[in-house]
Amino acid sequence: MSVAEFNRFSGTPNYIASSELSDAVNVSVALRRPLLIKGEPGTGKTLLARAISESLGAPLLSWHVKSTTRAGDGLYVYDTVQRLNDSRFGGADVSDIGNYIKLGPLGQAFASEREVVLLIDEVDKADMEFPNDLLHELDEMQFTIVETNQTIRAAIRPIVVITSNAEKELPDAFLRRCVFHYIAFPDRDLMETIVRVHHPSLDDALLEACMKRFYWIREQPEIRKRPSTSELVDWLSALVRGGVSKDRVLDSFPFLGVLLKKETDVQVITQARPKTMWSGR
């Protein structure tokens, strides 16, 4: 019986999950469907797979997709270069092609004798055919290594978490096979809970001042890249290490470059600050 049948995901001490996100994870596990996660950068999409792995006690395999990634790369790679080198300079038995077959993350997940969590990270970075090329393997939970005519079948279906930054539209056929969840940006109450995980002893007054400034920035319509949860956590770390007081946060904007990563955004905040920011401290 699988690990997931004994446990339900509800987050971890280091990963605060909303009830909606927990439900989406548990439905995905129960239905044995891939979980497709979207949301702003920095909202914990990638870290979710690690949290599921920790919560359910299942090993984590990660496949970080790039623009050049092909679906077949996740199954296996035939290392022809190594075989050629061995044939010229000696080494392994070059007559056994199996010595030069290296399973990718998807292939390892299928070949595993125990349940694993498989992260397919930023699926929308690859070309449009990439998601469609995964459909058969994700449905059948098996594939054949052409060079050896060996079929790899999953004895236990992996828990598949797929993240997307919505850079490209994903095919309808792919979406139909997934359980979908959008991680909404945390409201102030949830954000304070998340922050307390990383900064349990943070002064209440300093946290209140920082939250006020942080959400004020996110509300500015001219901002091109709004700061994320991870950037807020980093900003608080910088403030604590720098010994910055609540009053300084309210009277200036220390370490602004930790929150904002575009010059135009810094200019927007710098120009708007005297007009609106400090009124009603």
Protein backbone atom coordinates (compact mmCIF):
# COMPACT_ATOMS: atom_id res chain seq x y z
CA MET A 1 0.00 0.00 0.00
CA SER A 2 1.36 3.42 -0.90
CA VAL A 3 2.64 6.02 1.52
CA ALA A 4 -0.05 8.47 0.43
CA GLU A 5 -2.82 6.10 1.52
CA PHE A 6 -1.67 6.48 5.12
CA ASN A 7 -1.02 10.23 5.12
CA ARG A 8 -2.80 13.33 3.96
CA PHE A 9 -0.85 16.42 2.99
CA SER A 10 -1.51 19.52 5.08
CA GLY A 11 1.79 21.35 4.72
CA THR A 12 4.92 21.01 6.85
CA PRO A 13 6.47 23.07 9.65
CA ASN A 14 8.47 24.92 6.99
CA TYR A 15 5.80 25.10 4.28
CA ILE A 16 2.49 26.74 5.14
CA ALA A 17 -0.20 25.47 2.78
CA SER A 18 -3.70 26.89 2.52
CA SER A 19 -6.60 24.49 2.92
CA GLU A 20 -7.37 24.87 -0.81
CA LEU A 21 -3.82 23.91 -1.78
CA SER A 22 -3.83 20.96 0.61
CA ASP A 23 -7.12 19.76 -0.89
CA ALA A 24 -5.70 20.02 -4.41
CA VAL A 25 -2.67 17.94 -3.44
CA ASN A 26 -4.76 15.27 -1.77
CA VAL A 27 -7.21 15.06 -4.67
CA SER A 28 -4.30 14.70 -7.10
CA VAL A 29 -2.81 11.90 -5.02
CA ALA A 30 -6.15 10.13 -4.66
CA LEU A 31 -6.97 10.34 -8.38
CA ARG A 32 -3.38 9.57 -9.43
CA ARG A 33 -3.43 12.61 -11.70
CA PRO A 34 -0.56 15.07 -12.16
CA LEU A 35 -0.96 18.24 -10.11
CA LEU A 36 -0.48 21.37 -12.22
CA ILE A 37 0.48 24.39 -10.13
CA LYS A 38 0.47 27.99 -11.32
CA GLY A 39 1.04 31.23 -9.45
CA GLU A 40 3.23 34.30 -9.23
CA PRO A 41 7.00 33.68 -9.05
CA GLY A 42 8.04 33.31 -5.44
CA THR A 43 4.77 31.84 -4.15
CA GLY A 44 6.28 28.43 -3.38
CA LYS A 45 5.35 26.40 -6.45
CA THR A 46 8.66 24.56 -6.67
CA LEU A 47 8.99 24.18 -2.90
CA LEU A 48 5.59 22.47 -2.82
CA ALA A 49 7.01 19.26 -4.26
CA ARG A 50 9.69 19.20 -1.57
CA ALA A 51 7.03 19.74 1.09
CA ILE A 52 4.91 16.88 -0.28
CA SER A 53 7.98 14.66 -0.30
CA GLU A 54 8.73 15.53 3.32
CA SER A 55 5.13 15.21 4.47
CA LEU A 56 4.45 11.85 2.81
CA GLY A 57 7.90 10.39 3.36
CA ALA A 58 8.48 9.82 -0.35
CA PRO A 59 11.79 10.55 -2.13
CA LEU A 60 11.87 13.59 -4.42
CA LEU A 61 13.04 13.53 -8.05
CA SER A 62 13.34 16.88 -9.85
CA TRP A 63 13.24 17.65 -13.55
CA HIS A 64 13.97 21.32 -14.21
CA VAL A 65 12.74 22.11 -17.71
CA LYS A 66 14.68 24.45 -20.02
CA SER A 67 13.92 25.91 -23.43
CA THR A 68 15.96 23.12 -25.06
CA THR A 69 14.46 20.27 -23.03
CA ARG A 70 12.79 17.43 -24.92
CA ALA A 71 10.26 15.06 -23.40
CA GLY A 72 12.48 12.08 -24.18
CA ASP A 73 15.24 13.55 -21.99
CA GLY A 74 13.12 12.84 -18.94
CA LEU A 75 12.82 9.16 -19.87
CA TYR A 76 16.38 8.23 -20.74
CA VAL A 77 19.48 9.30 -22.62
CA TYR A 78 21.66 7.04 -24.77
CA ASP A 79 25.24 8.21 -24.21
CA THR A 80 26.73 7.54 -27.63
CA VAL A 81 29.74 9.76 -26.94
CA GLN A 82 30.81 7.70 -23.93
CA ARG A 83 30.35 4.49 -25.88
CA LEU A 84 32.51 5.84 -28.69
CA ASN A 85 35.22 6.87 -26.24
CA ASP A 86 35.16 3.45 -24.58
CA SER A 87 35.44 1.73 -27.94
CA ARG A 88 38.51 3.80 -28.77
CA PHE A 89 40.28 3.93 -25.41
CA GLY A 90 38.89 0.95 -23.51
CA GLY A 91 36.46 0.88 -20.63
CA ALA A 92 33.09 -0.78 -20.15
CA ASP A 93 31.74 -3.55 -22.38
CA VAL A 94 30.71 -1.56 -25.46
CA SER A 95 28.71 -4.51 -26.79
CA ASP A 96 26.18 -4.00 -24.00
CA ILE A 97 24.24 -0.87 -24.94
CA GLY A 98 22.55 -0.99 -21.55
CA ASN A 99 25.77 0.31 -20.02
CA TYR A 100 25.17 3.58 -21.84
CA ILE A 101 21.51 4.09 -21.06
CA LYS A 102 20.96 6.69 -18.33
CA LEU A 103 17.46 7.10 -16.98
CA GLY A 104 16.13 10.64 -16.67
CA PRO A 105 13.96 11.84 -13.76
CA LEU A 106 10.74 10.50 -15.31
CA GLY A 107 12.40 7.20 -16.11
CA GLN A 108 13.77 6.94 -12.58
CA ALA A 109 10.31 7.62 -11.16
CA PHE A 110 8.83 4.78 -13.24
CA ALA A 111 11.67 2.39 -12.37
CA SER A 112 11.52 3.09 -8.62
CA GLU A 113 10.35 0.25 -6.41
CA ARG A 114 8.77 2.72 -3.99
CA GLU A 115 6.51 5.72 -4.32
CA VAL A 116 8.31 8.93 -5.23
CA VAL A 117 7.38 12.56 -5.78
CA LEU A 118 8.35 13.78 -9.26
CA LEU A 119 8.68 17.52 -9.84
CA ILE A 120 8.47 18.72 -13.46
CA ASP A 121 9.44 22.33 -12.92
CA GLU A 122 8.45 25.20 -15.25
CA VAL A 123 6.90 23.02 -17.95
CA ASP A 124 6.03 26.11 -20.01
CA LYS A 125 9.69 26.91 -20.67
CA ALA A 126 9.94 24.17 -23.30
CA ASP A 127 8.38 24.30 -26.76
CA MET A 128 4.66 23.79 -27.31
CA GLU A 129 5.01 20.11 -28.18
CA PHE A 130 6.72 19.23 -24.91
CA PRO A 131 3.56 18.79 -22.78
CA ASN A 132 1.84 16.74 -25.50
CA ASP A 133 4.89 14.51 -25.80
CA LEU A 134 4.50 13.62 -22.12
CA LEU A 135 0.86 12.57 -22.39
CA HIS A 136 1.31 8.93 -23.38
CA GLU A 137 3.94 8.16 -20.75
CA LEU A 138 2.04 9.95 -17.98
CA ASP A 139 -1.13 8.08 -18.93
CA GLU A 140 0.40 4.65 -19.40
CA MET A 141 3.13 4.95 -16.76
CA GLN A 142 5.53 3.06 -18.97
CA PHE A 143 7.96 3.55 -21.85
CA THR A 144 10.28 1.47 -24.00
CA ILE A 145 14.02 1.97 -24.38
CA VAL A 146 14.31 1.62 -28.14
CA GLU A 147 18.01 0.69 -28.17
CA THR A 148 17.51 -2.33 -25.88
CA ASN A 149 13.80 -3.00 -26.46
CA GLN A 150 13.33 -2.90 -22.68
CA THR A 151 10.01 -1.69 -21.29
CA ILE A 152 10.04 0.20 -18.00
CA ARG A 153 6.71 0.00 -16.18
CA ALA A 154 5.87 1.87 -12.99
CA ALA A 155 5.11 -0.61 -10.22
CA ILE A 156 3.84 2.31 -8.13
CA ARG A 157 2.59 5.49 -9.78
CA PRO A 158 4.66 8.50 -8.76
CA ILE A 159 3.08 11.63 -7.34
CA VAL A 160 3.64 14.14 -10.16
CA VAL A 161 3.81 17.89 -9.47
CA ILE A 162 4.08 20.16 -12.52
CA THR A 163 4.72 23.89 -12.18
CA SER A 164 4.09 26.63 -14.72
CA ASN A 165 4.70 30.38 -14.72
CA ALA A 166 2.04 30.83 -17.41
CA GLU A 167 4.61 32.01 -19.95
CA LYS A 168 2.84 29.90 -22.58
CA GLU A 169 -0.61 28.38 -22.92
CA LEU A 170 -0.58 24.65 -22.28
CA PRO A 171 -2.47 22.29 -24.63
CA ASP A 172 -6.05 21.40 -23.70
CA ALA A 173 -5.33 17.68 -23.94
CA PHE A 174 -2.59 18.09 -21.36
CA LEU A 175 -4.76 20.21 -19.05
CA ARG A 176 -7.55 17.63 -19.10
CA ARG A 177 -5.26 15.08 -17.51
CA CYS A 178 -4.21 17.32 -14.62
CA VAL A 179 -5.63 18.51 -11.33
CA PHE A 180 -5.13 22.28 -11.43
CA HIS A 181 -4.50 24.76 -8.64
CA TYR A 182 -3.50 28.42 -8.72
CA ILE A 183 -1.54 29.54 -5.67
CA ALA A 184 -3.02 32.94 -4.89
CA PHE A 185 -0.73 35.52 -3.34
CA PRO A 186 -1.03 35.28 0.46
CA ASP A 187 -3.16 37.80 2.31
CA ARG A 188 -1.63 39.56 5.30
CA ASP A 189 -2.72 36.98 7.87
CA LEU A 190 -1.30 34.04 5.93
CA MET A 191 1.82 36.04 5.04
CA GLU A 192 2.50 36.75 8.71
CA THR A 193 2.22 33.03 9.42
CA ILE A 194 4.69 32.27 6.62
CA VAL A 195 7.09 34.96 7.82
CA ARG A 196 7.00 33.61 11.37
CA VAL A 197 8.25 30.26 10.08
CA HIS A 198 11.42 31.96 8.86
CA HIS A 199 11.65 34.67 11.55
CA PRO A 200 10.02 33.29 14.71
CA SER A 201 11.51 35.91 17.03
CA LEU A 202 10.93 38.97 14.82
CA ASP A 203 9.75 42.04 16.70
CA ASP A 204 5.99 42.55 16.24
CA ALA A 205 6.29 46.28 15.60
CA LEU A 206 9.00 45.78 12.98
CA LEU A 207 6.93 43.10 11.25
CA GLU A 208 3.88 45.37 11.19
CA ALA A 209 5.88 48.22 9.63
CA CYS A 210 7.43 45.92 7.02
CA MET A 211 4.11 44.37 6.08
CA LYS A 212 2.61 47.83 5.61
CA ARG A 213 5.43 48.89 3.31
CA PHE A 214 5.50 45.57 1.43
CA TYR A 215 1.80 45.51 0.55
CA TRP A 216 1.88 49.21 -0.28
CA ILE A 217 4.51 48.49 -2.95
CA ARG A 218 2.48 45.62 -4.38
CA GLU A 219 -0.53 47.92 -4.72
CA GLN A 220 1.29 50.43 -6.90
CA PRO A 221 -0.06 49.98 -10.47
CA GLU A 222 3.18 51.14 -12.13
CA ILE A 223 5.25 48.33 -10.63
CA ARG A 224 6.36 45.88 -13.33
CA LYS A 225 7.68 43.13 -11.04
CA ARG A 226 5.91 43.05 -7.72
CA PRO A 227 7.96 41.67 -4.83
CA SER A 228 7.21 38.09 -3.87
CA THR A 229 7.02 36.13 -0.63
CA SER A 230 10.62 34.99 -0.91
CA GLU A 231 11.77 38.58 -1.42
CA LEU A 232 9.86 39.71 1.66
CA VAL A 233 11.55 36.99 3.71
CA ASP A 234 14.95 38.06 2.34
CA TRP A 235 14.18 41.72 3.06
CA LEU A 236 13.33 40.93 6.65
CA SER A 237 16.57 38.96 6.97
CA ALA A 238 18.50 41.98 5.71
CA LEU A 239 16.72 44.31 8.12
CA VAL A 240 17.37 42.04 11.08
CA ARG A 241 21.04 41.57 10.22
CA GLY A 242 21.41 45.30 9.65
CA GLY A 243 19.83 46.11 13.00
CA VAL A 244 17.21 48.30 11.30
CA SER A 245 14.49 49.64 13.59
CA LYS A 246 10.78 50.02 12.97
CA ASP A 247 11.16 53.80 12.85
CA ARG A 248 13.75 53.61 10.09
CA VAL A 249 11.46 51.39 8.04
CA LEU A 250 8.70 53.94 8.48
CA ASP A 251 10.89 56.98 7.78
CA SER A 252 12.89 55.63 4.85
CA PHE A 253 13.09 52.50 2.73
CA PRO A 254 16.28 50.59 3.67
CA PHE A 255 17.59 47.83 1.39
CA LEU A 256 15.03 48.54 -1.32
CA GLY A 257 17.08 46.50 -3.80
CA VAL A 258 16.21 43.32 -1.93
CA LEU A 259 12.53 43.85 -2.77
CA LEU A 260 12.69 45.44 -6.20
CA LYS A 261 14.80 44.12 -9.06
CA LYS A 262 14.03 46.60 -11.83
CA GLU A 263 15.42 50.13 -12.03
CA THR A 264 12.09 51.53 -13.21
CA ASP A 265 10.32 50.03 -10.18
CA VAL A 266 12.84 51.61 -7.83
CA GLN A 267 12.22 54.96 -9.51
CA VAL A 268 8.44 54.56 -9.19
CA ILE A 269 8.68 53.93 -5.45
CA THR A 270 11.26 56.66 -4.89
CA GLN A 271 9.09 59.22 -6.66
CA ALA A 272 5.81 58.11 -5.12
CA ARG A 273 7.13 57.89 -1.59
CA PRO A 274 7.06 61.62 -0.62
CA LYS A 275 3.53 62.01 -1.95
CA THR A 276 1.69 59.08 -0.49
CA MET A 277 3.81 56.71 1.49
CA TRP A 278 4.60 58.51 4.69
CA SER A 279 1.16 60.03 5.20
CA GLY A 280 -0.77 58.28 7.94
CA ARG A 281 2.18 56.54 9.53
